[in-house]
Amino acid sequence: MNDNLLWIFISAMLVNNFTLYYFLGLCPFFGVSSRLVTAFRLGLATIFVMVITSLCTTFLNAFVLVHAPYLRLICFIIVIASTVQFVEMVIKKTSPALFRALGIFLPLITTNCAILFLALTQTSKNYGLVQGLVFALGAGGGFTLALVLMAGLREESELSSIPAVMKGTALNMIMAGLLSLAFMGFAGLFAAA
């Protein structure tokens, strides 16, 4: 059982990283990854939303949607939107500077397809409570890792002398592509093990 949980965590975080393997959540990935601190904090907020979504998904699948699976998508969207609203209110109250730094990207967690993908994947794989939480932590950790890596590369590139033709979006796309290739290497590494 513990090996299975470890595999679920590693798979969600590294092998099947939502951002660098499935290319989900690219809007905050490119939009918030210009500063390391901001990227890390958005990653933490996303982990929180993913964990709450996972808990609610388990509850909804077990008790509410047993006889009404056609309501699943609507229920998941409502859970995600209300959780993000809660996180937004807490951040606005506790850290106004972070709230301003995250800007529009905080409400965009609501439309982050990675979170809806988490709920739908957890449902399709029939994960229980513990497996779903581990999956959410791994997926959120992988999203945070991708954000932080990209933010670190972008901060480093600002200090480097780069030709003008490569600055900005072009360099960001190249760095994202290379990160994606590096993460796809984890699939081969764990397949051989």
Protein backbone atom coordinates (compact mmCIF):
# COMPACT_ATOMS: atom_id res chain seq x y z
CA MET A 1 0.00 0.00 0.00
CA ASN A 2 2.79 2.46 0.90
CA ASP A 3 4.64 1.64 -2.33
CA ASN A 4 1.45 2.38 -4.24
CA LEU A 5 1.06 5.74 -2.45
CA LEU A 6 4.70 6.62 -3.14
CA TRP A 7 4.23 5.76 -6.81
CA ILE A 8 1.05 7.88 -7.01
CA PHE A 9 2.95 10.84 -5.49
CA ILE A 10 6.04 10.50 -7.71
CA SER A 11 3.92 9.89 -10.78
CA ALA A 12 1.82 13.00 -10.23
CA MET A 13 4.79 15.18 -9.28
CA LEU A 14 7.47 14.13 -11.74
CA VAL A 15 6.51 11.50 -14.31
CA ASN A 16 3.08 12.87 -15.25
CA ASN A 17 3.59 16.48 -14.18
CA PHE A 18 0.40 18.35 -15.03
CA THR A 19 2.23 21.37 -16.44
CA LEU A 20 5.29 19.90 -18.10
CA TYR A 21 3.80 16.60 -19.33
CA TYR A 22 0.10 17.30 -19.92
CA PHE A 23 0.62 21.06 -20.54
CA LEU A 24 -2.15 22.07 -18.15
CA GLY A 25 -2.07 25.29 -16.14
CA LEU A 26 0.13 27.14 -18.62
CA CYS A 27 -1.47 30.54 -17.99
CA PRO A 28 -0.12 30.86 -14.44
CA PHE A 29 3.01 28.97 -15.48
CA PHE A 30 3.99 31.72 -17.88
CA GLY A 31 2.24 34.61 -16.14
CA VAL A 32 3.39 34.23 -12.53
CA SER A 33 6.78 32.65 -13.04
CA SER A 34 8.73 35.88 -13.40
CA ARG A 35 9.55 36.09 -9.65
CA LEU A 36 10.55 33.13 -7.49
CA VAL A 37 8.68 34.22 -4.35
CA THR A 38 5.44 34.92 -6.20
CA ALA A 39 5.65 31.61 -8.07
CA PHE A 40 6.21 29.68 -4.86
CA ARG A 41 3.28 31.33 -3.09
CA LEU A 42 0.92 30.74 -6.00
CA GLY A 43 2.10 27.13 -6.00
CA LEU A 44 1.20 26.82 -2.31
CA ALA A 45 -2.24 28.32 -2.96
CA THR A 46 -2.74 25.86 -5.81
CA ILE A 47 -1.70 22.93 -3.60
CA PHE A 48 -4.29 24.02 -1.04
CA VAL A 49 -7.02 24.25 -3.68
CA MET A 50 -6.03 20.84 -5.08
CA VAL A 51 -6.17 19.19 -1.65
CA ILE A 52 -9.59 20.67 -0.88
CA THR A 53 -10.79 19.67 -4.36
CA SER A 54 -9.54 16.14 -3.78
CA LEU A 55 -11.37 15.89 -0.45
CA CYS A 56 -14.58 17.20 -1.98
CA THR A 57 -14.20 14.94 -5.01
CA THR A 58 -13.94 11.90 -2.76
CA PHE A 59 -17.00 12.97 -0.79
CA LEU A 60 -19.04 13.81 -3.90
CA ASN A 61 -18.17 10.54 -5.64
CA ALA A 62 -18.92 8.44 -2.57
CA PHE A 63 -22.13 10.02 -1.32
CA VAL A 64 -23.66 12.60 -3.64
CA LEU A 65 -23.01 11.58 -7.24
CA VAL A 66 -23.57 7.85 -6.92
CA HIS A 67 -26.91 8.09 -8.72
CA ALA A 68 -26.28 11.31 -10.66
CA PRO A 69 -22.93 11.08 -12.46
CA TYR A 70 -24.12 13.59 -15.06
CA LEU A 71 -23.78 16.31 -12.38
CA ARG A 72 -20.13 15.47 -11.70
CA LEU A 73 -18.55 18.19 -13.84
CA ILE A 74 -20.85 20.92 -12.54
CA CYS A 75 -20.23 19.90 -8.93
CA PHE A 76 -16.46 19.87 -9.44
CA ILE A 77 -16.51 23.35 -10.96
CA ILE A 78 -18.58 24.70 -8.07
CA VAL A 79 -16.17 23.18 -5.52
CA ILE A 80 -13.12 24.62 -7.30
CA ALA A 81 -14.64 28.09 -7.69
CA SER A 82 -15.75 28.33 -4.07
CA THR A 83 -12.39 27.09 -2.77
CA VAL A 84 -10.52 29.64 -4.86
CA GLN A 85 -12.81 32.41 -3.59
CA PHE A 86 -11.99 31.36 -0.04
CA VAL A 87 -8.23 31.33 -0.75
CA GLU A 88 -8.50 34.74 -2.43
CA MET A 89 -10.27 36.25 0.60
CA VAL A 90 -7.70 34.79 3.02
CA ILE A 91 -4.73 36.04 0.99
CA LYS A 92 -6.31 39.48 0.56
CA LYS A 93 -6.83 39.74 4.31
CA THR A 94 -3.50 38.26 5.49
CA SER A 95 -1.08 39.46 2.80
CA PRO A 96 -2.23 42.41 0.69
CA ALA A 97 1.20 42.63 -0.97
CA LEU A 98 0.98 39.03 -2.17
CA PHE A 99 -2.60 39.64 -3.28
CA ARG A 100 -1.41 42.55 -5.45
CA ALA A 101 1.59 40.56 -6.73
CA LEU A 102 -0.58 37.62 -7.82
CA GLY A 103 -3.05 39.98 -9.46
CA ILE A 104 -5.39 38.33 -11.93
CA PHE A 105 -3.62 34.98 -11.65
CA LEU A 106 -5.15 34.20 -8.26
CA PRO A 107 -8.73 34.13 -9.57
CA LEU A 108 -7.41 32.27 -12.62
CA ILE A 109 -6.82 29.26 -10.37
CA THR A 110 -10.56 28.78 -10.77
CA THR A 111 -10.14 28.21 -14.48
CA ASN A 112 -6.88 26.32 -14.11
CA CYS A 113 -7.61 23.17 -16.05
CA ALA A 114 -5.04 21.29 -13.95
CA ILE A 115 -7.37 21.40 -10.94
CA LEU A 116 -10.36 20.13 -12.88
CA PHE A 117 -8.10 17.49 -14.44
CA LEU A 118 -7.14 16.41 -10.91
CA ALA A 119 -10.80 15.86 -9.96
CA LEU A 120 -11.63 14.03 -13.17
CA THR A 121 -8.51 11.84 -13.05
CA GLN A 122 -9.04 11.00 -9.39
CA THR A 123 -12.58 9.95 -10.28
CA SER A 124 -11.59 7.89 -13.31
CA LYS A 125 -8.87 6.06 -11.37
CA ASN A 126 -11.28 5.34 -8.48
CA TYR A 127 -8.90 6.75 -5.89
CA GLY A 128 -10.05 6.60 -2.28
CA LEU A 129 -9.51 9.34 0.29
CA VAL A 130 -5.83 8.68 1.06
CA GLN A 131 -4.88 7.95 -2.55
CA GLY A 132 -6.69 11.09 -3.69
CA LEU A 133 -4.91 13.26 -1.12
CA VAL A 134 -1.52 11.84 -2.09
CA PHE A 135 -2.38 12.40 -5.75
CA ALA A 136 -3.39 16.02 -5.01
CA LEU A 137 -0.22 16.68 -3.02
CA GLY A 138 1.93 15.19 -5.78
CA ALA A 139 0.13 17.12 -8.53
CA GLY A 140 0.26 20.36 -6.55
CA GLY A 141 3.89 19.78 -5.69
CA GLY A 142 4.67 19.14 -9.35
CA PHE A 143 2.86 22.32 -10.38
CA THR A 144 4.76 24.29 -7.73
CA LEU A 145 8.04 22.70 -8.81
CA ALA A 146 7.39 23.66 -12.44
CA LEU A 147 6.54 27.25 -11.43
CA VAL A 148 9.60 27.60 -9.20
CA LEU A 149 11.97 26.10 -11.79
CA MET A 150 10.65 28.40 -14.48
CA ALA A 151 10.83 31.43 -12.16
CA GLY A 152 14.42 30.60 -11.26
CA LEU A 153 15.38 30.29 -14.92
CA ARG A 154 13.64 33.55 -15.77
CA GLU A 155 15.33 35.42 -12.92
CA GLU A 156 18.70 34.00 -13.97
CA SER A 157 18.09 34.99 -17.60
CA GLU A 158 17.55 38.60 -16.54
CA LEU A 159 21.10 38.65 -15.16
CA SER A 160 22.61 37.10 -18.30
CA SER A 161 23.57 38.83 -21.51
CA ILE A 162 21.11 37.45 -24.02
CA PRO A 163 20.68 38.70 -27.60
CA ALA A 164 17.66 40.96 -27.97
CA VAL A 165 16.02 38.62 -30.47
CA MET A 166 15.91 35.87 -27.83
CA LYS A 167 14.62 37.91 -24.89
CA GLY A 168 11.06 37.67 -23.64
CA THR A 169 8.54 35.19 -24.95
CA ALA A 170 10.92 33.35 -27.26
CA LEU A 171 13.33 32.52 -24.47
CA ASN A 172 10.48 31.60 -22.11
CA MET A 173 9.07 29.14 -24.64
CA ILE A 174 12.49 27.57 -25.20
CA MET A 175 13.05 27.20 -21.46
CA ALA A 176 9.58 25.67 -21.01
CA GLY A 177 10.24 23.22 -23.82
CA LEU A 178 13.56 22.17 -22.32
CA LEU A 179 11.97 21.75 -18.88
CA SER A 180 9.26 19.62 -20.47
CA LEU A 181 11.84 17.43 -22.20
CA ALA A 182 13.73 17.02 -18.94
CA PHE A 183 10.57 15.96 -17.09
CA MET A 184 9.64 13.51 -19.83
CA GLY A 185 12.93 11.80 -19.05
CA PHE A 186 11.45 10.77 -15.70
CA ALA A 187 9.04 8.46 -17.53
CA GLY A 188 11.93 6.47 -18.94
CA LEU A 189 13.80 6.51 -15.66
CA PHE A 190 10.91 5.07 -13.66
CA ALA A 191 9.89 2.64 -16.42
CA ALA A 192 13.36 1.04 -16.21
CA ALA A 193 13.17 0.70 -12.42
